[in-house]
């Protein structure tokens, strides 16, 4: 039993590290993921790597084909359009359910997550925008919003779509160098409007604001080319 638990712990650890490297751009879209190389890179067995990649494939961060192995999910404009459409439908439905199902404790969780998000700087210490801390706080706020939904399958589906969206977010750029997806680059105005609608239990307005936030990706372009 202890050996099994140890293997599970190692698999979870390498899953988190590979996920961070994918979302951080250190493993690029379309890059082949070879067991021996990853095993050496992360200091774990190939079995732990395989289990981690299977979990990441379930989140659409990794893809696999027979005889070709695993690779970081390739990103395409069509894939982004389909993902945006699916997120708009599924997340707005989950949010509507959360507003209907959520209790006072859920409201407190949402308020706390929003406060952390609003107080987290967009750029990190290296000047990168958005920074890792901002990405985590942003994801945590949206996770808290949907946590009130009583339908676990709906929550899980929405979470899977958001996970894939985080991969796309890493490689999205404004269509013009001086453009921003938000009037406020950190999106505080839009997210405050979303919070206000949720706290007012106005599911129609909350869903509309959320759909608007998701639709902002249509104003961005994919840029996965290595720098010159």
C-alpha atoms as a PDB file:
ATOM      1  CA  UNK A   1       0.000   0.000   0.000  1.00  0.00           C
ATOM      2  CA  UNK A   2       2.807   2.418   0.889  1.00  0.00           C
ATOM      3  CA  UNK A   3       4.485   1.789  -2.460  1.00  0.00           C
ATOM      4  CA  UNK A   4       1.238   2.496  -4.291  1.00  0.00           C
ATOM      5  CA  UNK A   5       0.725   5.685  -2.326  1.00  0.00           C
ATOM      6  CA  UNK A   6       4.289   6.763  -3.105  1.00  0.00           C
ATOM      7  CA  UNK A   7       3.778   6.147  -6.805  1.00  0.00           C
ATOM      8  CA  UNK A   8       0.572   8.193  -6.722  1.00  0.00           C
ATOM      9  CA  UNK A   9       2.342  11.047  -4.939  1.00  0.00           C
ATOM     10  CA  UNK A  10       5.157  11.058  -7.511  1.00  0.00           C
ATOM     11  CA  UNK A  11       2.637  10.996 -10.356  1.00  0.00           C
ATOM     12  CA  UNK A  12       0.747  13.950  -8.869  1.00  0.00           C
ATOM     13  CA  UNK A  13       3.986  15.874  -8.393  1.00  0.00           C
ATOM     14  CA  UNK A  14       5.176  15.313 -11.964  1.00  0.00           C
ATOM     15  CA  UNK A  15       1.655  16.088 -13.237  1.00  0.00           C
ATOM     16  CA  UNK A  16       1.820  19.478 -11.509  1.00  0.00           C
ATOM     17  CA  UNK A  17       5.319  20.179 -12.856  1.00  0.00           C
ATOM     18  CA  UNK A  18       4.488  19.226 -16.444  1.00  0.00           C
ATOM     19  CA  UNK A  19       1.263  21.240 -16.259  1.00  0.00           C
ATOM     20  CA  UNK A  20       3.194  24.272 -14.995  1.00  0.00           C
ATOM     21  CA  UNK A  21       5.749  23.921 -17.794  1.00  0.00           C
ATOM     22  CA  UNK A  22       2.985  23.658 -20.404  1.00  0.00           C
ATOM     23  CA  UNK A  23       1.015  26.646 -19.098  1.00  0.00           C
ATOM     24  CA  UNK A  24       4.243  28.584 -18.577  1.00  0.00           C
ATOM     25  CA  UNK A  25       5.317  28.044 -22.188  1.00  0.00           C
ATOM     26  CA  UNK A  26       8.434  26.026 -21.346  1.00  0.00           C
ATOM     27  CA  UNK A  27       6.871  23.104 -23.204  1.00  0.00           C
ATOM     28  CA  UNK A  28       5.500  24.520 -26.440  1.00  0.00           C
ATOM     29  CA  UNK A  29       2.302  23.605 -28.335  1.00  0.00           C
ATOM     30  CA  UNK A  30       2.906  20.608 -30.587  1.00  0.00           C
ATOM     31  CA  UNK A  31       6.123  19.601 -28.782  1.00  0.00           C
ATOM     32  CA  UNK A  32       6.675  15.842 -28.524  1.00  0.00           C
ATOM     33  CA  UNK A  33       6.695  14.488 -24.966  1.00  0.00           C
ATOM     34  CA  UNK A  34       9.016  11.498 -24.755  1.00  0.00           C
ATOM     35  CA  UNK A  35       8.997   9.305 -21.672  1.00  0.00           C
ATOM     36  CA  UNK A  36      12.800   8.926 -21.255  1.00  0.00           C
ATOM     37  CA  UNK A  37      13.405  12.675 -21.602  1.00  0.00           C
ATOM     38  CA  UNK A  38      10.636  13.620 -19.193  1.00  0.00           C
ATOM     39  CA  UNK A  39      11.669  10.915 -16.746  1.00  0.00           C
ATOM     40  CA  UNK A  40      15.185  12.372 -16.637  1.00  0.00           C
ATOM     41  CA  UNK A  41      13.969  15.968 -16.583  1.00  0.00           C
ATOM     42  CA  UNK A  42      11.686  15.462 -13.578  1.00  0.00           C
ATOM     43  CA  UNK A  43      13.607  12.681 -11.841  1.00  0.00           C
ATOM     44  CA  UNK A  44      10.752  10.161 -11.795  1.00  0.00           C
ATOM     45  CA  UNK A  45       9.950   6.789 -13.340  1.00  0.00           C
ATOM     46  CA  UNK A  46       8.461   6.458 -16.808  1.00  0.00           C
ATOM     47  CA  UNK A  47       5.361   4.981 -15.132  1.00  0.00           C
ATOM     48  CA  UNK A  48       4.809   8.192 -13.173  1.00  0.00           C
ATOM     49  CA  UNK A  49       5.308  10.209 -16.363  1.00  0.00           C
ATOM     50  CA  UNK A  50       2.807   8.064 -18.269  1.00  0.00           C
ATOM     51  CA  UNK A  51       0.158   8.427 -15.556  1.00  0.00           C
ATOM     52  CA  UNK A  52       0.703  12.196 -15.416  1.00  0.00           C
ATOM     53  CA  UNK A  53       0.388  12.534 -19.206  1.00  0.00           C
ATOM     54  CA  UNK A  54      -2.825  10.519 -19.219  1.00  0.00           C
ATOM     55  CA  UNK A  55      -4.308  12.899 -16.633  1.00  0.00           C
ATOM     56  CA  UNK A  56      -3.176  15.913 -18.655  1.00  0.00           C
ATOM     57  CA  UNK A  57      -4.689  14.397 -21.792  1.00  0.00           C
ATOM     58  CA  UNK A  58      -8.043  14.213 -19.981  1.00  0.00           C
ATOM     59  CA  UNK A  59      -7.739  17.993 -19.479  1.00  0.00           C
ATOM     60  CA  UNK A  60      -6.845  18.522 -23.159  1.00  0.00           C
ATOM     61  CA  UNK A  61      -3.444  19.976 -22.276  1.00  0.00           C
ATOM     62  CA  UNK A  62      -1.796  16.958 -23.896  1.00  0.00           C
ATOM     63  CA  UNK A  63      -2.861  14.874 -26.892  1.00  0.00           C
ATOM     64  CA  UNK A  64      -1.836  11.418 -28.055  1.00  0.00           C
ATOM     65  CA  UNK A  65      -2.016   9.434 -31.282  1.00  0.00           C
ATOM     66  CA  UNK A  66      -1.347   5.733 -31.882  1.00  0.00           C
ATOM     67  CA  UNK A  67       2.313   5.111 -32.790  1.00  0.00           C
ATOM     68  CA  UNK A  68       3.157   8.796 -32.262  1.00  0.00           C
ATOM     69  CA  UNK A  69       2.988   9.096 -28.469  1.00  0.00           C
ATOM     70  CA  UNK A  70       2.139  12.231 -26.521  1.00  0.00           C
ATOM     71  CA  UNK A  71       2.578  15.871 -27.399  1.00  0.00           C
ATOM     72  CA  UNK A  72       1.557  19.235 -25.990  1.00  0.00           C
ATOM     73  CA  UNK A  73      -1.827  20.073 -27.480  1.00  0.00           C
ATOM     74  CA  UNK A  74      -1.430  21.964 -30.731  1.00  0.00           C
ATOM     75  CA  UNK A  75      -3.264  25.280 -30.832  1.00  0.00           C
ATOM     76  CA  UNK A  76      -5.243  26.496 -33.835  1.00  0.00           C
ATOM     77  CA  UNK A  77      -7.607  29.415 -34.539  1.00  0.00           C
ATOM     78  CA  UNK A  78     -10.418  26.930 -35.182  1.00  0.00           C
ATOM     79  CA  UNK A  79      -9.686  25.156 -31.912  1.00  0.00           C
ATOM     80  CA  UNK A  80      -9.811  28.481 -30.082  1.00  0.00           C
ATOM     81  CA  UNK A  81     -13.130  29.407 -31.716  1.00  0.00           C
ATOM     82  CA  UNK A  82     -14.692  26.068 -30.780  1.00  0.00           C
ATOM     83  CA  UNK A  83     -13.328  26.257 -27.242  1.00  0.00           C
ATOM     84  CA  UNK A  84     -14.639  29.804 -26.810  1.00  0.00           C
ATOM     85  CA  UNK A  85     -18.091  28.757 -28.011  1.00  0.00           C
ATOM     86  CA  UNK A  86     -18.181  25.719 -25.712  1.00  0.00           C
ATOM     87  CA  UNK A  87     -16.992  27.725 -22.712  1.00  0.00           C
ATOM     88  CA  UNK A  88     -19.597  30.416 -23.305  1.00  0.00           C
ATOM     89  CA  UNK A  89     -22.387  27.846 -23.218  1.00  0.00           C
ATOM     90  CA  UNK A  90     -21.131  25.556 -20.445  1.00  0.00           C
ATOM     91  CA  UNK A  91     -19.653  28.103 -18.037  1.00  0.00           C
ATOM     92  CA  UNK A  92     -22.647  30.429 -18.223  1.00  0.00           C
ATOM     93  CA  UNK A  93     -24.943  27.475 -17.490  1.00  0.00           C
ATOM     94  CA  UNK A  94     -22.771  26.364 -14.551  1.00  0.00           C
ATOM     95  CA  UNK A  95     -22.705  29.929 -13.211  1.00  0.00           C
ATOM     96  CA  UNK A  96     -26.498  30.206 -13.452  1.00  0.00           C
ATOM     97  CA  UNK A  97     -26.789  26.961 -11.499  1.00  0.00           C
ATOM     98  CA  UNK A  98     -24.235  28.178  -8.944  1.00  0.00           C
ATOM     99  CA  UNK A  99     -26.248  31.341  -8.303  1.00  0.00           C
ATOM    100  CA  UNK A 100     -29.347  29.198  -7.805  1.00  0.00           C
ATOM    101  CA  UNK A 101     -27.671  26.492  -5.690  1.00  0.00           C
ATOM    102  CA  UNK A 102     -24.956  28.397  -3.822  1.00  0.00           C
ATOM    103  CA  UNK A 103     -25.285  29.177  -0.121  1.00  0.00           C
ATOM    104  CA  UNK A 104     -23.836  31.879   2.113  1.00  0.00           C
ATOM    105  CA  UNK A 105     -20.552  29.994   2.503  1.00  0.00           C
ATOM    106  CA  UNK A 106     -20.203  29.950  -1.278  1.00  0.00           C
ATOM    107  CA  UNK A 107     -20.744  33.718  -1.403  1.00  0.00           C
ATOM    108  CA  UNK A 108     -17.934  34.133   1.124  1.00  0.00           C
ATOM    109  CA  UNK A 109     -15.646  31.919  -0.946  1.00  0.00           C
ATOM    110  CA  UNK A 110     -16.355  33.990  -4.058  1.00  0.00           C
ATOM    111  CA  UNK A 111     -15.745  37.279  -2.229  1.00  0.00           C
ATOM    112  CA  UNK A 112     -12.440  36.031  -0.789  1.00  0.00           C
ATOM    113  CA  UNK A 113     -11.228  34.739  -4.161  1.00  0.00           C
ATOM    114  CA  UNK A 114     -12.135  38.008  -5.859  1.00  0.00           C
ATOM    115  CA  UNK A 115     -10.328  40.038  -3.197  1.00  0.00           C
ATOM    116  CA  UNK A 116      -7.159  37.991  -3.740  1.00  0.00           C
ATOM    117  CA  UNK A 117      -7.478  38.361  -7.509  1.00  0.00           C
ATOM    118  CA  UNK A 118      -8.026  42.114  -7.334  1.00  0.00           C
ATOM    119  CA  UNK A 119      -5.005  42.585  -5.056  1.00  0.00           C
ATOM    120  CA  UNK A 120      -2.660  40.471  -7.187  1.00  0.00           C
ATOM    121  CA  UNK A 121      -0.442  42.465  -9.582  1.00  0.00           C
ATOM    122  CA  UNK A 122      -0.803  41.609 -13.263  1.00  0.00           C
ATOM    123  CA  UNK A 123       2.952  41.473 -13.862  1.00  0.00           C
ATOM    124  CA  UNK A 124       5.399  39.320 -11.898  1.00  0.00           C
ATOM    125  CA  UNK A 125       8.780  40.339 -10.485  1.00  0.00           C
ATOM    126  CA  UNK A 126      10.383  39.838 -13.908  1.00  0.00           C
ATOM    127  CA  UNK A 127       7.898  42.177 -15.543  1.00  0.00           C
ATOM    128  CA  UNK A 128       6.146  39.331 -17.359  1.00  0.00           C
ATOM    129  CA  UNK A 129       2.476  40.026 -18.051  1.00  0.00           C
ATOM    130  CA  UNK A 130       0.416  38.205 -16.950  1.00  0.00           C
ATOM    131  CA  UNK A 131       2.513  36.707 -14.157  1.00  0.00           C
ATOM    132  CA  UNK A 132       2.075  33.277 -12.594  1.00  0.00           C
ATOM    133  CA  UNK A 133       0.506  34.662  -9.396  1.00  0.00           C
ATOM    134  CA  UNK A 134      -2.079  36.615 -11.397  1.00  0.00           C
ATOM    135  CA  UNK A 135      -2.933  33.562 -13.502  1.00  0.00           C
ATOM    136  CA  UNK A 136      -3.468  31.471 -10.348  1.00  0.00           C
ATOM    137  CA  UNK A 137      -5.611  34.146  -8.664  1.00  0.00           C
ATOM    138  CA  UNK A 138      -7.661  34.618 -11.837  1.00  0.00           C
ATOM    139  CA  UNK A 139      -8.264  30.869 -12.202  1.00  0.00           C
ATOM    140  CA  UNK A 140      -9.133  30.557  -8.484  1.00  0.00           C
ATOM    141  CA  UNK A 141     -11.770  33.293  -8.759  1.00  0.00           C
ATOM    142  CA  UNK A 142     -13.499  31.607 -11.686  1.00  0.00           C
ATOM    143  CA  UNK A 143     -13.285  28.233  -9.946  1.00  0.00           C
ATOM    144  CA  UNK A 144     -14.919  29.742  -6.857  1.00  0.00           C
ATOM    145  CA  UNK A 145     -17.717  31.213  -8.972  1.00  0.00           C
ATOM    146  CA  UNK A 146     -18.713  27.819 -10.316  1.00  0.00           C
ATOM    147  CA  UNK A 147     -18.174  25.948  -7.042  1.00  0.00           C
ATOM    148  CA  UNK A 148     -21.727  26.710  -5.982  1.00  0.00           C
ATOM    149  CA  UNK A 149     -23.156  24.603  -8.816  1.00  0.00           C
ATOM    150  CA  UNK A 150     -24.520  21.378  -7.305  1.00  0.00           C
ATOM    151  CA  UNK A 151     -24.032  19.366 -10.508  1.00  0.00           C
ATOM    152  CA  UNK A 152     -20.521  17.886 -10.213  1.00  0.00           C
ATOM    153  CA  UNK A 153     -20.398  16.762 -13.851  1.00  0.00           C
ATOM    154  CA  UNK A 154     -21.218  20.258 -15.039  1.00  0.00           C
ATOM    155  CA  UNK A 155     -18.556  21.732 -12.755  1.00  0.00           C
ATOM    156  CA  UNK A 156     -15.958  19.238 -13.967  1.00  0.00           C
ATOM    157  CA  UNK A 157     -16.747  19.918 -17.620  1.00  0.00           C
ATOM    158  CA  UNK A 158     -16.503  23.665 -17.106  1.00  0.00           C
ATOM    159  CA  UNK A 159     -13.214  23.222 -15.220  1.00  0.00           C
ATOM    160  CA  UNK A 160     -11.770  21.117 -18.049  1.00  0.00           C
ATOM    161  CA  UNK A 161     -12.667  23.787 -20.612  1.00  0.00           C
ATOM    162  CA  UNK A 162     -11.126  26.517 -18.455  1.00  0.00           C
ATOM    163  CA  UNK A 163      -7.945  24.465 -18.071  1.00  0.00           C
ATOM    164  CA  UNK A 164      -7.558  24.261 -21.840  1.00  0.00           C
ATOM    165  CA  UNK A 165      -8.347  27.968 -22.087  1.00  0.00           C
ATOM    166  CA  UNK A 166      -5.403  28.712 -19.769  1.00  0.00           C
ATOM    167  CA  UNK A 167      -3.121  27.023 -22.306  1.00  0.00           C
ATOM    168  CA  UNK A 168      -4.493  29.211 -25.089  1.00  0.00           C
ATOM    169  CA  UNK A 169      -4.221  32.301 -22.863  1.00  0.00           C
ATOM    170  CA  UNK A 170      -0.450  31.810 -22.647  1.00  0.00           C
ATOM    171  CA  UNK A 171      -0.133  32.181 -26.423  1.00  0.00           C
ATOM    172  CA  UNK A 172      -2.710  34.879 -27.150  1.00  0.00           C
ATOM    173  CA  UNK A 173      -1.658  38.388 -28.103  1.00  0.00           C
ATOM    174  CA  UNK A 174      -3.567  41.621 -28.861  1.00  0.00           C
ATOM    175  CA  UNK A 175      -4.255  42.052 -32.566  1.00  0.00           C
ATOM    176  CA  UNK A 176      -2.292  45.322 -32.442  1.00  0.00           C
ATOM    177  CA  UNK A 177       0.832  45.977 -30.310  1.00  0.00           C
ATOM    178  CA  UNK A 178      -0.831  48.831 -28.396  1.00  0.00           C
ATOM    179  CA  UNK A 179      -4.183  47.066 -27.935  1.00  0.00           C
ATOM    180  CA  UNK A 180      -5.511  45.380 -24.798  1.00  0.00           C
ATOM    181  CA  UNK A 181      -8.200  42.758 -24.444  1.00  0.00           C
ATOM    182  CA  UNK A 182      -9.546  44.793 -21.524  1.00  0.00           C
ATOM    183  CA  UNK A 183      -9.871  48.531 -21.032  1.00  0.00           C
ATOM    184  CA  UNK A 184      -8.046  47.682 -17.813  1.00  0.00           C
ATOM    185  CA  UNK A 185      -5.368  45.094 -18.758  1.00  0.00           C
ATOM    186  CA  UNK A 186      -5.970  43.141 -15.535  1.00  0.00           C
ATOM    187  CA  UNK A 187      -9.702  43.008 -16.237  1.00  0.00           C
ATOM    188  CA  UNK A 188     -10.691  44.336 -12.816  1.00  0.00           C
ATOM    189  CA  UNK A 189     -13.653  46.384 -14.081  1.00  0.00           C
ATOM    190  CA  UNK A 190     -15.189  43.403 -15.909  1.00  0.00           C
ATOM    191  CA  UNK A 191     -14.598  41.008 -13.027  1.00  0.00           C
ATOM    192  CA  UNK A 192     -16.037  43.478 -10.515  1.00  0.00           C
ATOM    193  CA  UNK A 193     -19.186  43.686 -12.663  1.00  0.00           C
ATOM    194  CA  UNK A 194     -19.319  39.891 -12.661  1.00  0.00           C
ATOM    195  CA  UNK A 195     -18.928  39.776  -8.870  1.00  0.00           C
ATOM    196  CA  UNK A 196     -21.644  42.394  -8.354  1.00  0.00           C
ATOM    197  CA  UNK A 197     -24.110  40.459 -10.512  1.00  0.00           C
ATOM    198  CA  UNK A 198     -23.349  37.224  -8.653  1.00  0.00           C
ATOM    199  CA  UNK A 199     -23.737  38.821  -5.234  1.00  0.00           C
ATOM    200  CA  UNK A 200     -27.061  40.333  -6.377  1.00  0.00           C
ATOM    201  CA  UNK A 201     -28.118  36.825  -7.443  1.00  0.00           C
ATOM    202  CA  UNK A 202     -28.828  38.236 -10.906  1.00  0.00           C
ATOM    203  CA  UNK A 203     -28.132  35.120 -12.962  1.00  0.00           C
ATOM    204  CA  UNK A 204     -29.083  36.721 -16.284  1.00  0.00           C
ATOM    205  CA  UNK A 205     -26.706  39.656 -15.848  1.00  0.00           C
ATOM    206  CA  UNK A 206     -23.933  37.444 -14.442  1.00  0.00           C
ATOM    207  CA  UNK A 207     -24.156  35.058 -17.399  1.00  0.00           C
ATOM    208  CA  UNK A 208     -24.085  38.003 -19.825  1.00  0.00           C
ATOM    209  CA  UNK A 209     -20.951  39.471 -18.205  1.00  0.00           C
ATOM    210  CA  UNK A 210     -19.250  36.077 -18.176  1.00  0.00           C
ATOM    211  CA  UNK A 211     -20.072  35.509 -21.838  1.00  0.00           C
ATOM    212  CA  UNK A 212     -18.592  38.922 -22.593  1.00  0.00           C
ATOM    213  CA  UNK A 213     -15.372  38.069 -20.776  1.00  0.00           C
ATOM    214  CA  UNK A 214     -15.049  34.785 -22.643  1.00  0.00           C
ATOM    215  CA  UNK A 215     -15.794  36.498 -25.972  1.00  0.00           C
ATOM    216  CA  UNK A 216     -12.818  38.831 -25.479  1.00  0.00           C
ATOM    217  CA  UNK A 217     -10.600  36.028 -26.778  1.00  0.00           C
ATOM    218  CA  UNK A 218     -12.052  36.752 -30.238  1.00  0.00           C
ATOM    219  CA  UNK A 219     -10.134  40.058 -30.142  1.00  0.00           C
ATOM    220  CA  UNK A 220      -6.823  38.252 -29.667  1.00  0.00           C
ATOM    221  CA  UNK A 221      -4.595  36.321 -32.061  1.00  0.00           C
ATOM    222  CA  UNK A 222      -2.542  33.178 -31.551  1.00  0.00           C
ATOM    223  CA  UNK A 223       1.217  33.605 -31.564  1.00  0.00           C
ATOM    224  CA  UNK A 224       3.019  30.306 -30.929  1.00  0.00           C
ATOM    225  CA  UNK A 225       6.041  31.018 -33.106  1.00  0.00           C
ATOM    226  CA  UNK A 226       9.423  30.947 -31.304  1.00  0.00           C
ATOM    227  CA  UNK A 227      10.993  34.402 -31.001  1.00  0.00           C
ATOM    228  CA  UNK A 228      13.427  35.267 -33.795  1.00  0.00           C
END
